[in-house]
Protein backbone atom coordinates (compact mmCIF):
# COMPACT_ATOMS: atom_id res chain seq x y z
CA MET A 1 -4.10 -1.33 -21.17
CA ALA A 2 -2.33 -4.54 -20.62
CA VAL A 3 -1.91 -5.65 -16.95
CA ALA A 4 0.45 -8.06 -15.26
CA GLU A 5 -0.26 -11.39 -13.62
CA VAL A 6 -0.76 -11.84 -9.93
CA LEU A 7 1.93 -14.35 -8.60
CA ALA A 8 1.11 -16.04 -5.16
CA VAL A 9 4.31 -16.94 -3.34
CA GLY A 10 4.85 -18.54 0.06
CA PRO A 11 5.81 -19.22 2.70
CA VAL A 12 7.67 -15.83 2.48
CA VAL A 13 9.63 -16.14 5.38
CA SER A 14 10.61 -18.71 8.12
CA PRO A 15 8.31 -18.91 11.22
CA ASP A 16 11.08 -17.15 13.29
CA ALA A 17 11.51 -14.49 10.56
CA ALA A 18 7.68 -13.84 10.75
CA ALA A 19 7.86 -13.53 14.28
CA ARG A 20 10.59 -10.79 14.06
CA LEU A 21 8.70 -8.83 11.53
CA ILE A 22 5.79 -8.91 13.75
CA ALA A 23 7.78 -7.71 16.60
CA THR A 24 9.25 -4.96 14.40
CA CYS A 25 5.78 -3.55 13.69
CA GLU A 26 4.90 -3.86 17.47
CA ARG A 27 7.88 -1.89 18.38
CA PHE A 28 7.07 1.05 16.01
CA PRO A 29 5.82 3.72 18.10
CA VAL A 30 2.78 4.95 16.39
CA PHE A 31 0.71 4.57 13.39
CA THR A 32 -1.29 7.27 11.63
CA PRO A 33 -4.38 7.04 9.36
CA SER A 34 -3.77 6.51 5.58
CA GLY A 35 -5.29 9.51 3.51
CA THR A 36 -3.69 12.20 5.62
CA ASN A 37 -1.09 14.54 4.24
CA ARG A 38 1.88 12.41 2.88
CA ARG A 39 4.24 15.24 3.28
CA ARG A 40 3.97 15.21 7.18
CA ARG A 41 4.83 11.51 7.20
CA ARG A 42 8.62 11.84 7.60
CA ARG A 43 8.08 14.38 10.63
CA ALA A 44 5.50 12.04 12.13
CA ARG A 45 8.30 9.25 12.34
CA LEU A 46 10.76 11.45 13.90
CA ALA A 47 8.12 12.89 16.27
CA ALA A 48 7.43 9.21 17.34
CA THR A 49 11.03 8.12 17.52
CA VAL A 50 11.59 10.94 20.25
CA GLY A 51 8.83 9.26 22.35
CA ASP A 52 5.67 11.45 21.88
CA PRO A 53 3.31 9.46 19.63
CA ASP A 54 0.51 12.04 20.31
CA ALA A 55 2.32 14.76 19.28
CA ALA A 56 0.85 17.25 16.64
CA VAL A 57 2.80 17.04 13.42
CA ASN A 58 3.00 19.98 10.98
CA PRO A 59 3.20 19.53 7.22
CA ARG A 60 6.64 19.54 5.59
CA THR A 61 6.96 22.41 3.41
CA PRO A 62 6.93 21.20 -0.21
CA LYS A 63 9.79 21.83 -2.48
CA ARG A 64 7.52 23.48 -4.98
CA PRO A 65 3.84 24.59 -4.84
CA PRO A 66 1.88 21.52 -5.47
CA PHE A 67 -0.53 21.39 -8.53
CA ALA A 68 -4.27 21.60 -7.61
CA PRO A 69 -3.62 21.91 -3.85
CA GLY A 70 -7.45 21.80 -3.27
CA LEU A 71 -7.61 18.26 -4.09
CA ARG A 72 -6.72 15.31 -1.74
CA PRO A 73 -3.79 13.27 -2.49
CA ARG A 74 -6.04 10.36 -3.50
CA GLU A 75 -9.01 12.26 -4.78
CA ASP A 76 -9.86 9.59 -7.14
CA SER A 77 -10.11 6.57 -5.11
CA GLN A 78 -11.63 8.43 -2.01
CA LEU A 79 -14.52 9.80 -4.31
CA ASN A 80 -15.13 6.47 -5.90
CA PHE A 81 -15.19 4.76 -2.53
CA LEU A 82 -17.97 7.08 -1.32
CA ARG A 83 -19.83 6.99 -4.66
CA GLN A 84 -20.01 3.28 -4.83
CA GLY A 85 -20.26 2.60 -1.18
CA GLY A 86 -16.90 0.79 -1.00
CA LEU A 87 -16.45 -2.75 -2.16
CA ARG A 88 -19.98 -3.89 -0.68
CA GLY A 89 -22.01 -1.12 -2.58
CA ALA A 90 -23.18 0.00 0.83
CA THR A 91 -23.78 3.81 0.04
CA ASP A 92 -26.30 3.98 2.96
CA ASP A 93 -23.56 2.65 5.68
CA SER A 94 -23.22 5.34 8.29
CA LEU A 95 -19.64 4.36 8.93
CA LEU A 96 -18.61 4.20 5.19
CA SER A 97 -16.24 7.29 5.33
CA ALA A 98 -14.43 5.62 8.35
CA ARG A 99 -13.99 2.22 6.67
CA HIS A 100 -11.07 2.91 4.53
CA LYS A 101 -8.91 5.19 6.94
CA TYR A 102 -6.47 2.17 7.66
CA PHE A 103 -3.14 2.91 9.17
CA ARG A 104 0.17 3.02 7.35
CA GLU A 105 3.76 3.76 8.13
CA THR A 106 7.06 3.49 6.30
CA LEU A 107 9.59 1.02 7.83
CA GLN A 108 12.17 1.56 5.25
CA ASP A 109 12.58 4.06 2.39
CA GLY A 110 15.78 3.36 0.38
CA HIS A 111 18.60 3.61 2.55
CA GLU A 112 16.58 5.21 5.50
CA VAL A 113 15.76 2.60 7.96
CA TYR A 114 12.83 3.62 10.17
CA ALA A 115 12.19 0.22 12.05
CA SER A 116 14.91 -2.09 12.69
CA GLY A 117 14.26 -5.34 11.20
CA ALA A 118 12.78 -3.91 8.06
CA GLU A 119 16.08 -4.64 6.20
CA GLU A 120 15.63 -8.26 6.39
CA TYR A 121 12.38 -8.17 4.74
CA LEU A 122 13.45 -5.77 1.91
CA ALA A 123 16.11 -8.10 1.10
CA ASN A 124 13.83 -11.01 0.82
CA GLN A 125 14.72 -13.31 -2.30
CA CYS A 126 11.36 -14.81 -2.63
CA LEU A 127 9.89 -11.59 -3.22
CA ALA A 128 12.81 -10.49 -5.57
CA GLU A 129 12.49 -13.72 -7.51
CA ALA A 130 8.80 -13.13 -8.08
CA ALA A 131 9.41 -9.50 -9.11
CA HIS A 132 11.84 -10.78 -11.64
CA ARG A 133 9.35 -13.34 -13.32
CA LEU A 134 6.53 -10.60 -13.10
CA PHE A 135 8.34 -8.18 -15.22
CA GLY A 136 11.01 -10.29 -17.01
CA ARG A 137 13.68 -7.67 -16.09
CA ASP A 138 16.93 -8.75 -14.86
CA LEU A 139 17.79 -5.91 -12.37
CA VAL A 140 15.49 -5.89 -9.42
CA VAL A 141 16.30 -3.10 -6.75
CA PRO A 142 14.14 -3.43 -3.49
CA TRP A 143 13.48 0.03 -2.05
CA ASN A 144 10.51 0.36 0.19
CA VAL A 145 8.69 -1.39 3.03
CA TYR A 146 5.46 -0.27 4.36
CA ALA A 147 3.41 -1.64 7.40
CA ASN A 148 -0.41 -1.65 6.83
CA VAL A 149 -2.78 -2.00 9.69
CA MET A 150 -6.68 -2.50 9.37
CA LEU A 151 -8.96 -2.28 12.15
CA PRO A 152 -12.25 -4.44 12.52
CA GLY A 153 -14.80 -2.85 10.21
CA GLN A 154 -12.32 -1.43 7.84
CA GLU A 155 -12.07 -2.10 4.23
CA LEU A 156 -9.51 -0.92 1.40
CA GLY A 157 -11.51 0.57 -1.58
CA MET A 158 -10.63 -0.28 -5.14
CA HIS A 159 -7.58 1.54 -6.32
CA THR A 160 -4.29 1.59 -8.26
CA ASP A 161 -0.96 2.23 -6.36
CA THR A 162 0.88 5.39 -7.11
CA PRO A 163 3.30 4.96 -10.00
CA GLU A 164 6.53 6.69 -10.89
CA PHE A 165 7.99 8.11 -14.29
CA ARG A 166 11.21 9.71 -15.13
CA GLY A 167 11.18 13.10 -13.79
CA ALA A 168 7.67 12.70 -12.36
CA HIS A 169 7.01 11.29 -9.04
CA ARG A 170 5.01 11.78 -5.75
CA ASP A 171 7.76 14.29 -4.27
CA PHE A 172 6.26 17.15 -6.36
CA LEU A 173 3.09 15.74 -8.04
CA PRO A 174 -0.08 14.66 -6.36
CA ASN A 175 -0.84 10.76 -6.43
CA TRP A 176 -4.16 10.96 -8.18
CA LEU A 177 -2.23 12.81 -11.28
CA LEU A 178 0.44 10.19 -11.39
CA CYS A 179 -2.20 7.44 -11.55
CA ALA A 180 -4.06 9.05 -14.18
CA MET A 181 -0.85 9.37 -16.23
CA HIS A 182 -0.50 5.86 -16.18
CA LEU A 183 -3.94 4.76 -16.85
CA SER A 184 -4.21 7.17 -19.70
CA GLY A 185 -1.45 5.27 -21.47
CA LEU A 186 0.05 8.68 -22.77
CA PHE A 187 3.25 8.53 -20.55
CA GLU A 188 4.26 4.77 -20.94
CA PRO A 189 7.61 5.52 -22.54
CA TRP A 190 8.47 7.21 -19.34
CA ARG A 191 7.25 4.75 -16.84
CA VAL A 192 9.45 3.04 -14.19
CA ARG A 193 8.37 -0.32 -13.37
CA ILE A 194 7.73 -1.14 -9.86
CA ALA A 195 6.72 -4.43 -8.36
CA THR A 196 4.79 -4.79 -5.17
CA GLY A 197 4.65 -7.71 -2.70
CA ILE A 198 2.05 -7.76 -0.18
CA THR A 199 2.63 -10.27 2.69
CA HIS A 200 0.00 -11.04 5.01
CA LEU A 201 1.30 -11.35 8.74
CA LEU A 202 -1.40 -10.99 11.25
CA GLY A 203 -5.24 -11.39 11.38
CA SER A 204 -8.01 -13.77 10.90
CA GLU A 205 -7.92 -15.83 7.66
CA GLU A 206 -11.77 -15.17 7.65
CA GLY A 207 -12.46 -11.90 5.86
CA GLY A 208 -10.05 -9.21 4.67
CA ALA A 209 -9.53 -11.03 1.52
CA PHE A 210 -7.56 -9.46 -1.37
CA LEU A 211 -9.59 -8.61 -4.43
CA CYS A 212 -8.18 -7.38 -7.84
CA TYR A 213 -8.76 -7.26 -11.37
CA PRO A 214 -5.80 -8.97 -13.16
CA ASP A 215 -7.65 -9.16 -16.33
CA GLY A 216 -8.93 -5.62 -16.42
CA ILE A 217 -12.04 -3.92 -15.01
CA ASP A 218 -14.34 -5.38 -17.72
CA HIS A 219 -13.71 -8.80 -16.32
CA PRO A 220 -14.67 -10.69 -13.04
CA PRO A 221 -12.32 -9.90 -10.15
CA ALA A 222 -10.15 -12.54 -8.68
CA ARG A 223 -10.10 -13.07 -4.87
CA TYR A 224 -7.25 -14.21 -2.62
CA GLU A 225 -7.99 -15.28 1.01
CA ALA A 226 -5.72 -13.71 3.55
CA THR A 227 -3.27 -16.60 4.18
CA LEU A 228 -0.73 -16.05 6.74
CA ASN A 229 2.90 -15.81 5.54
CA THR A 230 1.87 -15.65 1.98
CA ALA A 231 2.58 -12.78 -0.38
CA LEU A 232 0.76 -11.63 -3.73
CA VAL A 233 3.29 -10.07 -6.02
CA LEU A 234 1.85 -7.90 -8.74
CA ASP A 235 2.08 -4.64 -10.81
CA SER A 236 -0.19 -2.84 -8.48
CA ASP A 237 0.10 0.53 -10.29
CA SER A 238 -1.80 -1.26 -13.14
CA ILE A 239 -4.36 -3.73 -11.57
CA PHE A 240 -7.05 -2.36 -9.64
CA HIS A 241 -7.19 -3.97 -6.08
CA GLY A 242 -8.75 -3.59 -2.65
CA VAL A 243 -9.36 -5.47 0.63
CA GLU A 244 -12.67 -6.90 1.79
CA LEU A 245 -14.12 -6.05 5.16
CA VAL A 246 -11.90 -7.09 8.18
CA PRO A 247 -14.42 -8.93 10.62
CA GLY A 248 -15.18 -7.75 14.15
CA CYS A 249 -16.60 -4.95 16.25
CA ASP A 250 -16.55 -1.59 14.34
CA ASP A 251 -17.95 0.66 17.17
CA ALA A 252 -14.87 2.85 17.63
CA ILE A 253 -13.74 3.57 13.86
CA GLY A 254 -16.03 6.12 13.34
CA GLN A 255 -13.93 8.41 15.65
CA ILE A 256 -10.77 8.17 13.36
CA ASP A 257 -9.61 11.48 11.93
CA ALA A 258 -6.37 13.08 10.96
CA ASN A 259 -5.36 13.40 14.56
CA THR A 260 -5.89 9.67 15.48
CA ARG A 261 -3.11 7.42 16.51
CA LEU A 262 -2.81 3.58 16.75
CA VAL A 263 -0.30 2.78 19.20
CA PRO A 264 1.34 -0.58 20.00
CA LYS A 265 1.48 -1.11 23.79
CA GLY A 266 3.35 -4.55 23.99
CA LYS A 267 2.03 -7.92 24.78
CA GLY A 268 0.09 -8.06 21.53
CA GLN A 269 -2.17 -5.03 22.29
CA TRP A 270 -2.96 -2.00 20.09
CA PHE A 271 -4.52 1.14 21.38
CA LEU A 272 -6.69 3.37 19.31
CA ARG A 273 -6.34 7.04 20.56
CA CYS A 274 -8.65 9.71 19.16
CA GLY A 275 -9.31 13.43 20.08
CA ALA A 276 -7.66 16.83 19.55
CA PRO A 277 -3.93 17.12 19.43
CA GLY A 278 -2.33 16.86 22.79
CA GLN A 279 -5.70 15.58 24.16
CA LEU A 280 -5.89 12.12 22.76
CA GLU A 281 -7.93 9.33 24.65
CA THR A 282 -7.82 5.54 24.29
CA VAL A 283 -11.10 4.60 22.78
CA ALA A 284 -10.58 1.00 21.83
CA VAL A 285 -8.09 -1.74 22.56
CA TYR A 286 -7.24 -4.39 20.01
CA SER A 287 -5.32 -7.77 20.33
CA ARG A 288 -3.12 -8.69 17.60
CA GLU A 289 -5.40 -11.42 16.27
CA GLU A 290 -8.19 -8.80 15.64
CA LEU A 291 -6.10 -6.70 13.49
CA ARG A 292 -4.99 -7.28 9.63
CA LEU A 293 -1.35 -6.61 9.51
CA SER A 294 0.34 -6.90 6.22
CA LEU A 295 3.75 -5.51 4.72
CA SER A 296 4.12 -3.96 1.43
CA TRP A 297 7.32 -4.50 -0.30
CA LYS A 298 8.17 -2.34 -3.45
CA ALA A 299 11.12 -2.97 -5.83
CA TYR A 300 12.14 -1.02 -8.99
CA CYS A 301 12.64 -3.42 -11.92
CA PHE A 302 14.94 -2.47 -14.63
CA ALA A 303 16.19 -4.09 -17.72
CA ASP A 304 19.94 -3.06 -17.00
CA GLU A 305 22.05 -0.62 -15.42
CA ALA A 306 21.44 2.11 -18.13
CA GLU A 307 17.65 2.09 -17.48
CA CYS A 308 18.32 2.11 -13.87
CA HIS A 309 20.55 5.23 -14.22
CA ALA A 310 17.86 6.92 -16.54
CA ARG A 311 15.55 6.83 -13.70
CA THR A 312 17.22 9.83 -11.95
CA ASP A 313 19.40 11.17 -14.81
CA SER A 314 17.48 11.39 -17.93
CA ALA A 315 17.60 13.89 -20.74
CA ASP A 316 13.83 13.46 -21.60
CA ALA A 317 12.71 13.64 -17.99
CA LEU A 318 8.94 14.82 -17.51
CA ASN A 319 8.08 18.11 -16.05
CA THR A 320 4.67 19.25 -14.81
CA GLU A 321 4.15 21.69 -17.75
CA THR A 322 4.79 19.13 -20.38
CA ILE A 323 2.50 16.59 -18.43
CA LEU A 324 -0.41 19.12 -18.24
CA GLU A 325 -0.01 20.10 -21.91
CA MET A 326 -0.13 16.37 -22.84
CA PHE A 327 -3.38 15.83 -20.77
CA VAL A 328 -4.98 18.90 -22.19
CA ASP A 329 -4.04 18.10 -25.83
CA GLU A 330 -5.58 14.77 -25.33
CA LEU A 331 -8.86 16.21 -23.76
CA VAL A 332 -9.18 18.33 -26.75
CA VAL A 333 -8.89 15.26 -28.99
CA ARG A 334 -11.57 13.45 -26.93
CA GLY A 335 -13.88 16.58 -27.05
CA ARG A 336 -13.72 17.22 -23.35
CA LEU A 337 -12.23 20.61 -23.86
CA ALA A 338 -12.79 23.00 -26.75
CA GLY A 339 -9.25 23.99 -27.06
CA PRO A 340 -5.99 24.28 -25.27
CA ASP A 341 -6.64 27.92 -23.97
CA HIS A 342 -9.25 26.67 -21.30
CA ALA A 343 -10.14 28.82 -18.40
CA LEU A 344 -10.19 25.92 -15.85
CA SER A 345 -8.71 26.33 -12.45
CA GLU A 346 -6.17 23.79 -11.45
CA GLU A 347 -8.76 21.78 -9.32
CA ASP A 348 -11.37 21.89 -12.01
CA LEU A 349 -8.84 20.73 -14.82
CA GLY A 350 -7.84 17.94 -12.05
CA MET A 351 -11.34 16.67 -11.64
CA LEU A 352 -11.73 16.67 -15.60
CA ILE A 353 -8.41 14.59 -15.65
CA ILE A 354 -9.69 11.97 -13.02
CA ASP A 355 -13.11 11.90 -14.62
CA GLU A 356 -11.60 11.07 -18.17
CA PHE A 357 -8.60 8.72 -17.39
CA ILE A 358 -9.42 6.97 -14.32
CA ARG A 359 -12.12 4.42 -14.82
CA PHE A 360 -12.94 2.37 -11.88
CA PRO A 361 -14.52 -1.20 -11.91
CA GLU A 362 -18.22 -1.24 -11.01
CA VAL A 363 -18.97 -3.18 -7.66
CA THR A 364 -21.94 -5.35 -7.12
CA PRO A 365 -23.75 -4.72 -4.03
CA THR A 366 -23.78 -7.61 -1.44
């Protein structure tokens, strides 16, 4: 599968604008661990907004029953992280399962703004121009801003981001299935192009480098140092990428679980709070210099207004039944299934799809 290039651009914003963006993140009430149920994220933001960052958050009822509910949203990358031992090949690391539980929150999603100040970054022309160069499409529509926070001792394992297709997106399909759809190449006619811009805002420029495979997983990776106020703009749905280990003391990260909250407390301090819901205790305090803070900017890239309109109103939009039929037919062709009338559970079929269509780069132990 052809992949896109990686564009390094910067400075992304003025020094004053960078300071405002950092302040925007430090005003956000609470950050929750990545890898927890994404369906609860909206309610998590609402709970935090009313001043209770330690509140327990119940999952939002999905619009329809999810496919293979027994699998985690990123079953593919989480399994691979543990199998390979992260980016360092450290399979015997006692803290391995905690190292990829970084913190992420949505600052803006379409027209919904959850953190005042995100609008300025979403409208950044430097990123929009790079997205235009990346895909060669005339209509660039910025849509999302995420804040990503990594603690000392954490790393981000190899993965591709979650893509979108006409009729198929993360609102009703698991992320791993959408990734398999794109990497299989079977659904390319329906794919919506999304450009990602990742801007490094805070943290040491030693460690925490961005590692990716722009030439494909059978070629050597490219490594980009974590340079402040510089962005990497890429097709992150196609290019495997991760973040190397953030330096510093990792004593506290082993306590991170789904209940954990990372709370900005002002004056550049961030409190890591762990424990049972309603009984969280501060187990570590970090200065902003110890953290790795980046912003992820997402933009749809369309050839024209017609293609933009087709994203949400298309006569040939995919549905779950069609997607699974196409996967099963391809698995039969490849000899992984004897025929379309298999007796696999949804979870077993899901694991077969992951195993066949999502091939990760192999890391070299360091």
